[in-house]
Amino acid sequence: MGTKPLTQTTGRRKEAVARVRLRPGTGKVVINGREFEDYFPNALQRAAATEAFRVVEAETTYDVDCDIQGGGIAGQAGALRMAIARSILELDE
């Protein structure tokens, strides 16, 4: 992902920390260098992580590059959701 990020935010849930960079794009999500579907194989976790995009109807507007550390898979999905929501809020201000 070569373009400069629009926002860089952090989200936390339980022990998990997600650092997100949001760029204009097509809705591609990369987590720790892996594809979104590979990192979160469960559809419920993918839905929870990208809930903020659905709320503002921007699922295909931005690309997400994320580094997640710590916690379990559910905590990581929640941390990613928080980081994405904060990025969207920053763009709206």
PDB file of N, CA and C in Angstrom:
ATOM      1  N   MET A   1       0.845  -1.169   0.000  1.00  0.00           N
ATOM      2  CA  MET A   1       0.000   0.000   0.000  1.00  0.00           C
ATOM      3  C   MET A   1       0.894   1.237   0.000  1.00  0.00           C
ATOM      4  N   GLY A   2       1.005   1.857  -1.151  1.00  0.00           N
ATOM      5  CA  GLY A   2       1.973   2.906  -1.308  1.00  0.00           C
ATOM      6  C   GLY A   2       1.513   4.319  -1.000  1.00  0.00           C
ATOM      7  N   THR A   3       0.222   4.595  -1.047  1.00  0.00           N
ATOM      8  CA  THR A   3      -0.229   5.961  -0.827  1.00  0.00           C
ATOM      9  C   THR A   3      -0.165   6.338   0.646  1.00  0.00           C
ATOM     10  N   LYS A   4      -0.067   7.628   0.880  1.00  0.00           N
ATOM     11  CA  LYS A   4      -0.002   8.127   2.256  1.00  0.00           C
ATOM     12  C   LYS A   4      -1.346   7.911   2.953  1.00  0.00           C
ATOM     13  N   PRO A   5      -1.321   7.423   4.204  1.00  0.00           N
ATOM     14  CA  PRO A   5      -2.585   7.173   4.903  1.00  0.00           C
ATOM     15  C   PRO A   5      -3.345   8.460   5.206  1.00  0.00           C
ATOM     16  N   LEU A   6      -4.674   8.368   5.137  1.00  0.00           N
ATOM     17  CA  LEU A   6      -5.523   9.491   5.530  1.00  0.00           C
ATOM     18  C   LEU A   6      -5.513   9.651   7.041  1.00  0.00           C
ATOM     19  N   THR A   7      -5.583   8.519   7.751  1.00  0.00           N
ATOM     20  CA  THR A   7      -5.577   8.543   9.214  1.00  0.00           C
ATOM     21  C   THR A   7      -4.771   7.368   9.747  1.00  0.00           C
ATOM     22  N   GLN A   8      -4.268   7.546  10.956  1.00  0.00           N
ATOM     23  CA  GLN A   8      -3.606   6.470  11.690  1.00  0.00           C
ATOM     24  C   GLN A   8      -4.172   6.492  13.098  1.00  0.00           C
ATOM     25  N   THR A   9      -4.831   5.399  13.487  1.00  0.00           N
ATOM     26  CA  THR A   9      -5.471   5.355  14.796  1.00  0.00           C
ATOM     27  C   THR A   9      -5.166   4.041  15.499  1.00  0.00           C
ATOM     28  N   THR A  10      -5.466   4.021  16.790  1.00  0.00           N
ATOM     29  CA  THR A  10      -5.264   2.833  17.613  1.00  0.00           C
ATOM     30  C   THR A  10      -6.571   2.465  18.290  1.00  0.00           C
ATOM     31  N   GLY A  11      -6.845   1.176  18.336  1.00  0.00           N
ATOM     32  CA  GLY A  11      -8.007   0.666  19.053  1.00  0.00           C
ATOM     33  C   GLY A  11      -7.568  -0.415  20.020  1.00  0.00           C
ATOM     34  N   ARG A  12      -8.214  -0.479  21.180  1.00  0.00           N
ATOM     35  CA  ARG A  12      -7.871  -1.492  22.180  1.00  0.00           C
ATOM     36  C   ARG A  12      -9.136  -2.194  22.655  1.00  0.00           C
ATOM     37  N   ARG A  13      -8.992  -3.484  22.912  1.00  0.00           N
ATOM     38  CA  ARG A  13     -10.078  -4.271  23.517  1.00  0.00           C
ATOM     39  C   ARG A  13      -9.423  -5.410  24.270  1.00  0.00           C
ATOM     40  N   LYS A  14      -9.759  -5.531  25.531  1.00  0.00           N
ATOM     41  CA  LYS A  14      -9.147  -6.531  26.411  1.00  0.00           C
ATOM     42  C   LYS A  14      -7.631  -6.363  26.344  1.00  0.00           C
ATOM     43  N   GLU A  15      -6.902  -7.382  25.912  1.00  0.00           N
ATOM     44  CA  GLU A  15      -5.436  -7.283  25.829  1.00  0.00           C
ATOM     45  C   GLU A  15      -4.949  -6.953  24.417  1.00  0.00           C
ATOM     46  N   ALA A  16      -5.851  -6.849  23.456  1.00  0.00           N
ATOM     47  CA  ALA A  16      -5.483  -6.643  22.056  1.00  0.00           C
ATOM     48  C   ALA A  16      -5.333  -5.160  21.729  1.00  0.00           C
ATOM     49  N   VAL A  17      -4.354  -4.863  20.873  1.00  0.00           N
ATOM     50  CA  VAL A  17      -4.117  -3.499  20.402  1.00  0.00           C
ATOM     51  C   VAL A  17      -4.024  -3.541  18.878  1.00  0.00           C
ATOM     52  N   ALA A  18      -4.828  -2.719  18.207  1.00  0.00           N
ATOM     53  CA  ALA A  18      -4.826  -2.639  16.745  1.00  0.00           C
ATOM     54  C   ALA A  18      -4.398  -1.241  16.321  1.00  0.00           C
ATOM     55  N   ARG A  19      -3.418  -1.186  15.437  1.00  0.00           N
ATOM     56  CA  ARG A  19      -2.971   0.084  14.858  1.00  0.00           C
ATOM     57  C   ARG A  19      -3.381   0.080  13.390  1.00  0.00           C
ATOM     58  N   VAL A  20      -4.227   1.039  13.017  1.00  0.00           N
ATOM     59  CA  VAL A  20      -4.848   1.054  11.692  1.00  0.00           C
ATOM     60  C   VAL A  20      -4.399   2.267  10.898  1.00  0.00           C
ATOM     61  N   ARG A  21      -4.131   2.039   9.613  1.00  0.00           N
ATOM     62  CA  ARG A  21      -3.886   3.106   8.658  1.00  0.00           C
ATOM     63  C   ARG A  21      -4.970   2.992   7.585  1.00  0.00           C
ATOM     64  N   LEU A  22      -5.707   4.072   7.392  1.00  0.00           N
ATOM     65  CA  LEU A  22      -6.818   4.098   6.435  1.00  0.00           C
ATOM     66  C   LEU A  22      -6.378   4.896   5.217  1.00  0.00           C
ATOM     67  N   ARG A  23      -6.613   4.315   4.017  1.00  0.00           N
ATOM     68  CA  ARG A  23      -6.261   4.971   2.761  1.00  0.00           C
ATOM     69  C   ARG A  23      -7.452   4.894   1.807  1.00  0.00           C
ATOM     70  N   PRO A  24      -7.541   5.814   0.851  1.00  0.00           N
ATOM     71  CA  PRO A  24      -8.592   5.676  -0.160  1.00  0.00           C
ATOM     72  C   PRO A  24      -8.354   4.384  -0.936  1.00  0.00           C
ATOM     73  N   GLY A  25      -9.409   3.675  -1.275  1.00  0.00           N
ATOM     74  CA  GLY A  25      -9.218   2.415  -1.989  1.00  0.00           C
ATOM     75  C   GLY A  25     -10.515   1.716  -2.313  1.00  0.00           C
ATOM     76  N   THR A  26     -10.459   0.384  -2.269  1.00  0.00           N
ATOM     77  CA  THR A  26     -11.578  -0.443  -2.724  1.00  0.00           C
ATOM     78  C   THR A  26     -12.174  -1.320  -1.631  1.00  0.00           C
ATOM     79  N   GLY A  27     -11.735  -1.172  -0.407  1.00  0.00           N
ATOM     80  CA  GLY A  27     -12.266  -1.978   0.685  1.00  0.00           C
ATOM     81  C   GLY A  27     -11.377  -3.132   1.098  1.00  0.00           C
ATOM     82  N   LYS A  28     -10.149  -3.163   0.617  1.00  0.00           N
ATOM     83  CA  LYS A  28      -9.220  -4.244   0.957  1.00  0.00           C
ATOM     84  C   LYS A  28      -8.723  -4.060   2.393  1.00  0.00           C
ATOM     85  N   VAL A  29      -8.701  -5.155   3.152  1.00  0.00           N
ATOM     86  CA  VAL A  29      -8.227  -5.129   4.535  1.00  0.00           C
ATOM     87  C   VAL A  29      -7.060  -6.098   4.660  1.00  0.00           C
ATOM     88  N   VAL A  30      -5.913  -5.598   5.140  1.00  0.00           N
ATOM     89  CA  VAL A  30      -4.726  -6.423   5.359  1.00  0.00           C
ATOM     90  C   VAL A  30      -4.348  -6.314   6.826  1.00  0.00           C
ATOM     91  N   ILE A  31      -4.210  -7.463   7.486  1.00  0.00           N
ATOM     92  CA  ILE A  31      -3.883  -7.503   8.910  1.00  0.00           C
ATOM     93  C   ILE A  31      -2.584  -8.270   9.094  1.00  0.00           C
ATOM     94  N   ASN A  32      -1.593  -7.627   9.666  1.00  0.00           N
ATOM     95  CA  ASN A  32      -0.285  -8.245   9.895  1.00  0.00           C
ATOM     96  C   ASN A  32       0.243  -8.908   8.624  1.00  0.00           C
ATOM     97  N   GLY A  33       0.018  -8.273   7.476  1.00  0.00           N
ATOM     98  CA  GLY A  33       0.506  -8.792   6.204  1.00  0.00           C
ATOM     99  C   GLY A  33      -0.331  -9.916   5.618  1.00  0.00           C
ATOM    100  N   ARG A  34      -1.428 -10.275   6.253  1.00  0.00           N
ATOM    101  CA  ARG A  34      -2.291 -11.361   5.778  1.00  0.00           C
ATOM    102  C   ARG A  34      -3.634 -10.804   5.310  1.00  0.00           C
ATOM    103  N   GLU A  35      -4.265 -11.532   4.400  1.00  0.00           N
ATOM    104  CA  GLU A  35      -5.588 -11.140   3.921  1.00  0.00           C
ATOM    105  C   GLU A  35      -6.602 -11.227   5.057  1.00  0.00           C
ATOM    106  N   PHE A  36      -7.617 -10.389   4.995  1.00  0.00           N
ATOM    107  CA  PHE A  36      -8.655 -10.298   6.020  1.00  0.00           C
ATOM    108  C   PHE A  36      -9.318 -11.653   6.274  1.00  0.00           C
ATOM    109  N   GLU A  37      -9.698 -12.357   5.203  1.00  0.00           N
ATOM    110  CA  GLU A  37     -10.390 -13.640   5.329  1.00  0.00           C
ATOM    111  C   GLU A  37      -9.490 -14.716   5.927  1.00  0.00           C
ATOM    112  N   ASP A  38      -8.186 -14.612   5.704  1.00  0.00           N
ATOM    113  CA  ASP A  38      -7.245 -15.577   6.283  1.00  0.00           C
ATOM    114  C   ASP A  38      -7.033 -15.312   7.767  1.00  0.00           C
ATOM    115  N   TYR A  39      -7.005 -14.047   8.145  1.00  0.00           N
ATOM    116  CA  TYR A  39      -6.745 -13.701   9.542  1.00  0.00           C
ATOM    117  C   TYR A  39      -7.969 -13.966  10.412  1.00  0.00           C
ATOM    118  N   PHE A  40      -9.145 -13.603   9.917  1.00  0.00           N
ATOM    119  CA  PHE A  40     -10.403 -13.854  10.630  1.00  0.00           C
ATOM    120  C   PHE A  40     -11.247 -14.823   9.795  1.00  0.00           C
ATOM    121  N   PRO A  41     -11.069 -16.139   9.951  1.00  0.00           N
ATOM    122  CA  PRO A  41     -11.830 -17.090   9.135  1.00  0.00           C
ATOM    123  C   PRO A  41     -13.318 -17.137   9.496  1.00  0.00           C
ATOM    124  N   ASN A  42     -13.671 -16.701  10.681  1.00  0.00           N
ATOM    125  CA  ASN A  42     -15.058 -16.721  11.138  1.00  0.00           C
ATOM    126  C   ASN A  42     -15.792 -15.482  10.619  1.00  0.00           C
ATOM    127  N   ALA A  43     -16.937 -15.696   9.983  1.00  0.00           N
ATOM    128  CA  ALA A  43     -17.706 -14.586   9.403  1.00  0.00           C
ATOM    129  C   ALA A  43     -18.188 -13.603  10.463  1.00  0.00           C
ATOM    130  N   LEU A  44     -18.509 -14.082  11.665  1.00  0.00           N
ATOM    131  CA  LEU A  44     -18.958 -13.180  12.732  1.00  0.00           C
ATOM    132  C   LEU A  44     -17.842 -12.234  13.165  1.00  0.00           C
ATOM    133  N   GLN A  45     -16.627 -12.726  13.224  1.00  0.00           N
ATOM    134  CA  GLN A  45     -15.501 -11.864  13.586  1.00  0.00           C
ATOM    135  C   GLN A  45     -15.233 -10.837  12.497  1.00  0.00           C
ATOM    136  N   ARG A  46     -15.339 -11.247  11.240  1.00  0.00           N
ATOM    137  CA  ARG A  46     -15.152 -10.294  10.138  1.00  0.00           C
ATOM    138  C   ARG A  46     -16.246  -9.229  10.166  1.00  0.00           C
ATOM    139  N   ALA A  47     -17.473  -9.641  10.436  1.00  0.00           N
ATOM    140  CA  ALA A  47     -18.587  -8.685  10.489  1.00  0.00           C
ATOM    141  C   ALA A  47     -18.404  -7.705  11.641  1.00  0.00           C
ATOM    142  N   ALA A  48     -17.974  -8.205  12.793  1.00  0.00           N
ATOM    143  CA  ALA A  48     -17.762  -7.327  13.951  1.00  0.00           C
ATOM    144  C   ALA A  48     -16.643  -6.332  13.676  1.00  0.00           C
ATOM    145  N   ALA A  49     -15.569  -6.795  13.039  1.00  0.00           N
ATOM    146  CA  ALA A  49     -14.410  -5.935  12.796  1.00  0.00           C
ATOM    147  C   ALA A  49     -14.724  -4.802  11.826  1.00  0.00           C
ATOM    148  N   THR A  50     -15.606  -5.047  10.865  1.00  0.00           N
ATOM    149  CA  THR A  50     -15.888  -4.028   9.842  1.00  0.00           C
ATOM    150  C   THR A  50     -17.256  -3.370  10.031  1.00  0.00           C
ATOM    151  N   GLU A  51     -17.831  -3.510  11.197  1.00  0.00           N
ATOM    152  CA  GLU A  51     -19.159  -2.954  11.473  1.00  0.00           C
ATOM    153  C   GLU A  51     -19.221  -1.441  11.242  1.00  0.00           C
ATOM    154  N   ALA A  52     -18.183  -0.723  11.607  1.00  0.00           N
ATOM    155  CA  ALA A  52     -18.183   0.740  11.461  1.00  0.00           C
ATOM    156  C   ALA A  52     -18.327   1.153   9.997  1.00  0.00           C
ATOM    157  N   PHE A  53     -17.709   0.409   9.083  1.00  0.00           N
ATOM    158  CA  PHE A  53     -17.846   0.721   7.659  1.00  0.00           C
ATOM    159  C   PHE A  53     -19.287   0.533   7.189  1.00  0.00           C
ATOM    160  N   ARG A  54     -19.948  -0.514   7.664  1.00  0.00           N
ATOM    161  CA  ARG A  54     -21.335  -0.753   7.261  1.00  0.00           C
ATOM    162  C   ARG A  54     -22.263   0.329   7.796  1.00  0.00           C
ATOM    163  N   VAL A  55     -22.004   0.798   8.994  1.00  0.00           N
ATOM    164  CA  VAL A  55     -22.861   1.824   9.598  1.00  0.00           C
ATOM    165  C   VAL A  55     -22.844   3.103   8.765  1.00  0.00           C
ATOM    166  N   VAL A  56     -21.675   3.481   8.259  1.00  0.00           N
ATOM    167  CA  VAL A  56     -21.565   4.717   7.463  1.00  0.00           C
ATOM    168  C   VAL A  56     -21.603   4.441   5.960  1.00  0.00           C
ATOM    169  N   GLU A  57     -21.909   3.185   5.588  1.00  0.00           N
ATOM    170  CA  GLU A  57     -22.013   2.769   4.188  1.00  0.00           C
ATOM    171  C   GLU A  57     -20.754   3.114   3.398  1.00  0.00           C
ATOM    172  N   ALA A  58     -19.592   2.700   3.925  1.00  0.00           N
ATOM    173  CA  ALA A  58     -18.304   2.992   3.282  1.00  0.00           C
ATOM    174  C   ALA A  58     -17.458   1.729   3.135  1.00  0.00           C
ATOM    175  N   GLU A  59     -18.101   0.572   2.910  1.00  0.00           N
ATOM    176  CA  GLU A  59     -17.365  -0.694   2.849  1.00  0.00           C
ATOM    177  C   GLU A  59     -16.338  -0.743   1.725  1.00  0.00           C
ATOM    178  N   THR A  60     -16.599  -0.057   0.617  1.00  0.00           N
ATOM    179  CA  THR A  60     -15.687  -0.117  -0.526  1.00  0.00           C
ATOM    180  C   THR A  60     -14.997   1.216  -0.788  1.00  0.00           C
ATOM    181  N   THR A  61     -14.936   2.074   0.205  1.00  0.00           N
ATOM    182  CA  THR A  61     -14.358   3.406   0.035  1.00  0.00           C
ATOM    183  C   THR A  61     -12.904   3.482   0.473  1.00  0.00           C
ATOM    184  N   TYR A  62     -12.524   2.694   1.470  1.00  0.00           N
ATOM    185  CA  TYR A  62     -11.188   2.789   2.059  1.00  0.00           C
ATOM    186  C   TYR A  62     -10.510   1.428   2.122  1.00  0.00           C
ATOM    187  N   ASP A  63      -9.177   1.446   2.019  1.00  0.00           N
ATOM    188  CA  ASP A  63      -8.354   0.269   2.286  1.00  0.00           C
ATOM    189  C   ASP A  63      -7.807   0.398   3.696  1.00  0.00           C
ATOM    190  N   VAL A  64      -7.694  -0.731   4.393  1.00  0.00           N
ATOM    191  CA  VAL A  64      -7.218  -0.756   5.774  1.00  0.00           C
ATOM    192  C   VAL A  64      -5.949  -1.585   5.838  1.00  0.00           C
ATOM    193  N   ASP A  65      -4.906  -1.015   6.424  1.00  0.00           N
ATOM    194  CA  ASP A  65      -3.674  -1.739   6.719  1.00  0.00           C
ATOM    195  C   ASP A  65      -3.541  -1.727   8.232  1.00  0.00           C
ATOM    196  N   CYS A  66      -3.469  -2.901   8.845  1.00  0.00           N
ATOM    197  CA  CYS A  66      -3.548  -2.984  10.296  1.00  0.00           C
ATOM    198  C   CYS A  66      -2.480  -3.898  10.868  1.00  0.00           C
ATOM    199  N   ASP A  67      -1.951  -3.507  12.015  1.00  0.00           N
ATOM    200  CA  ASP A  67      -1.073  -4.353  12.816  1.00  0.00           C
ATOM    201  C   ASP A  67      -1.797  -4.618  14.124  1.00  0.00           C
ATOM    202  N   ILE A  68      -1.981  -5.897  14.450  1.00  0.00           N
ATOM    203  CA  ILE A  68      -2.662  -6.266  15.688  1.00  0.00           C
ATOM    204  C   ILE A  68      -1.721  -7.102  16.539  1.00  0.00           C
ATOM    205  N   GLN A  69      -1.690  -6.782  17.831  1.00  0.00           N
ATOM    206  CA  GLN A  69      -0.869  -7.541  18.769  1.00  0.00           C
ATOM    207  C   GLN A  69      -1.677  -7.868  20.007  1.00  0.00           C
ATOM    208  N   GLY A  70      -1.376  -8.999  20.614  1.00  0.00           N
ATOM    209  CA  GLY A  70      -1.943  -9.378  21.899  1.00  0.00           C
ATOM    210  C   GLY A  70      -3.370  -9.862  21.826  1.00  0.00           C
ATOM    211  N   GLY A  71      -3.820 -10.435  22.928  1.00  0.00           N
ATOM    212  CA  GLY A  71      -5.203 -10.859  23.061  1.00  0.00           C
ATOM    213  C   GLY A  71      -5.565 -12.065  22.224  1.00  0.00           C
ATOM    214  N   GLY A  72      -6.823 -12.436  22.297  1.00  0.00           N
ATOM    215  CA  GLY A  72      -7.357 -13.533  21.498  1.00  0.00           C
ATOM    216  C   GLY A  72      -8.025 -13.000  20.251  1.00  0.00           C
ATOM    217  N   ILE A  73      -8.583 -13.899  19.489  1.00  0.00           N
ATOM    218  CA  ILE A  73      -9.154 -13.522  18.201  1.00  0.00           C
ATOM    219  C   ILE A  73     -10.360 -12.590  18.351  1.00  0.00           C
ATOM    220  N   ALA A  74     -11.197 -12.818  19.360  1.00  0.00           N
ATOM    221  CA  ALA A  74     -12.367 -11.951  19.572  1.00  0.00           C
ATOM    222  C   ALA A  74     -11.935 -10.559  20.029  1.00  0.00           C
ATOM    223  N   GLY A  75     -10.966 -10.482  20.917  1.00  0.00           N
ATOM    224  CA  GLY A  75     -10.447  -9.195  21.361  1.00  0.00           C
ATOM    225  C   GLY A  75      -9.792  -8.434  20.227  1.00  0.00           C
ATOM    226  N   GLN A  76      -9.102  -9.151  19.349  1.00  0.00           N
ATOM    227  CA  GLN A  76      -8.464  -8.511  18.204  1.00  0.00           C
ATOM    228  C   GLN A  76      -9.504  -7.942  17.247  1.00  0.00           C
ATOM    229  N   ALA A  77     -10.592  -8.671  17.030  1.00  0.00           N
ATOM    230  CA  ALA A  77     -11.669  -8.161  16.167  1.00  0.00           C
ATOM    231  C   ALA A  77     -12.282  -6.900  16.774  1.00  0.00           C
ATOM    232  N   GLY A  78     -12.469  -6.889  18.090  1.00  0.00           N
ATOM    233  CA  GLY A  78     -13.006  -5.706  18.764  1.00  0.00           C
ATOM    234  C   GLY A  78     -12.056  -4.526  18.715  1.00  0.00           C
ATOM    235  N   ALA A  79     -10.757  -4.792  18.852  1.00  0.00           N
ATOM    236  CA  ALA A  79      -9.761  -3.722  18.772  1.00  0.00           C
ATOM    237  C   ALA A  79      -9.723  -3.132  17.366  1.00  0.00           C
ATOM    238  N   LEU A  80      -9.825  -3.989  16.352  1.00  0.00           N
ATOM    239  CA  LEU A  80      -9.854  -3.513  14.969  1.00  0.00           C
ATOM    240  C   LEU A  80     -11.099  -2.670  14.719  1.00  0.00           C
ATOM    241  N   ARG A  81     -12.245  -3.097  15.238  1.00  0.00           N
ATOM    242  CA  ARG A  81     -13.484  -2.326  15.084  1.00  0.00           C
ATOM    243  C   ARG A  81     -13.334  -0.936  15.701  1.00  0.00           C
ATOM    244  N   MET A  82     -12.751  -0.862  16.890  1.00  0.00           N
ATOM    245  CA  MET A  82     -12.560   0.428  17.562  1.00  0.00           C
ATOM    246  C   MET A  82     -11.618   1.328  16.766  1.00  0.00           C
ATOM    247  N   ALA A  83     -10.527   0.768  16.255  1.00  0.00           N
ATOM    248  CA  ALA A  83      -9.566   1.566  15.492  1.00  0.00           C
ATOM    249  C   ALA A  83     -10.186   2.090  14.198  1.00  0.00           C
ATOM    250  N   ILE A  84     -10.960   1.256  13.512  1.00  0.00           N
ATOM    251  CA  ILE A  84     -11.621   1.697  12.280  1.00  0.00           C
ATOM    252  C   ILE A  84     -12.642   2.790  12.587  1.00  0.00           C
ATOM    253  N   ALA A  85     -13.404   2.623  13.658  1.00  0.00           N
ATOM    254  CA  ALA A  85     -14.392   3.641  14.042  1.00  0.00           C
ATOM    255  C   ALA A  85     -13.713   4.970  14.355  1.00  0.00           C
ATOM    256  N   ARG A  86     -12.592   4.919  15.037  1.00  0.00           N
ATOM    257  CA  ARG A  86     -11.862   6.159  15.342  1.00  0.00           C
ATOM    258  C   ARG A  86     -11.334   6.812  14.074  1.00  0.00           C
ATOM    259  N   SER A  87     -10.882   6.015  13.110  1.00  0.00           N
ATOM    260  CA  SER A  87     -10.410   6.573  11.841  1.00  0.00           C
ATOM    261  C   SER A  87     -11.540   7.274  11.101  1.00  0.00           C
ATOM    262  N   ILE A  88     -12.697   6.643  11.061  1.00  0.00           N
ATOM    263  CA  ILE A  88     -13.853   7.248  10.389  1.00  0.00           C
ATOM    264  C   ILE A  88     -14.248   8.546  11.084  1.00  0.00           C
ATOM    265  N   LEU A  89     -14.211   8.553  12.401  1.00  0.00           N
ATOM    266  CA  LEU A  89     -14.531   9.763  13.157  1.00  0.00           C
ATOM    267  C   LEU A  89     -13.539  10.881  12.845  1.00  0.00           C
ATOM    268  N   GLU A  90     -12.248  10.543  12.757  1.00  0.00           N
ATOM    269  CA  GLU A  90     -11.232  11.550  12.408  1.00  0.00           C
ATOM    270  C   GLU A  90     -11.498  12.143  11.034  1.00  0.00           C
ATOM    271  N   LEU A  91     -11.883  11.304  10.077  1.00  0.00           N
ATOM    272  CA  LEU A  91     -12.158  11.795   8.728  1.00  0.00           C
ATOM    273  C   LEU A  91     -13.373  12.707   8.696  1.00  0.00           C
ATOM    274  N   ASP A  92     -14.314  12.476   9.586  1.00  0.00           N
ATOM    275  CA  ASP A  92     -15.551  13.252   9.617  1.00  0.00           C
ATOM    276  C   ASP A  92     -15.361  14.631  10.244  1.00  0.00           C
ATOM    277  N   GLU A  93     -14.312  14.815  11.021  1.00  0.00           N
ATOM    278  CA  GLU A  93     -14.102  16.098  11.716  1.00  0.00           C
ATOM    279  C   GLU A  93     -13.571  17.160  10.796  1.00  0.00           C
TER     280      GLU A  93
END
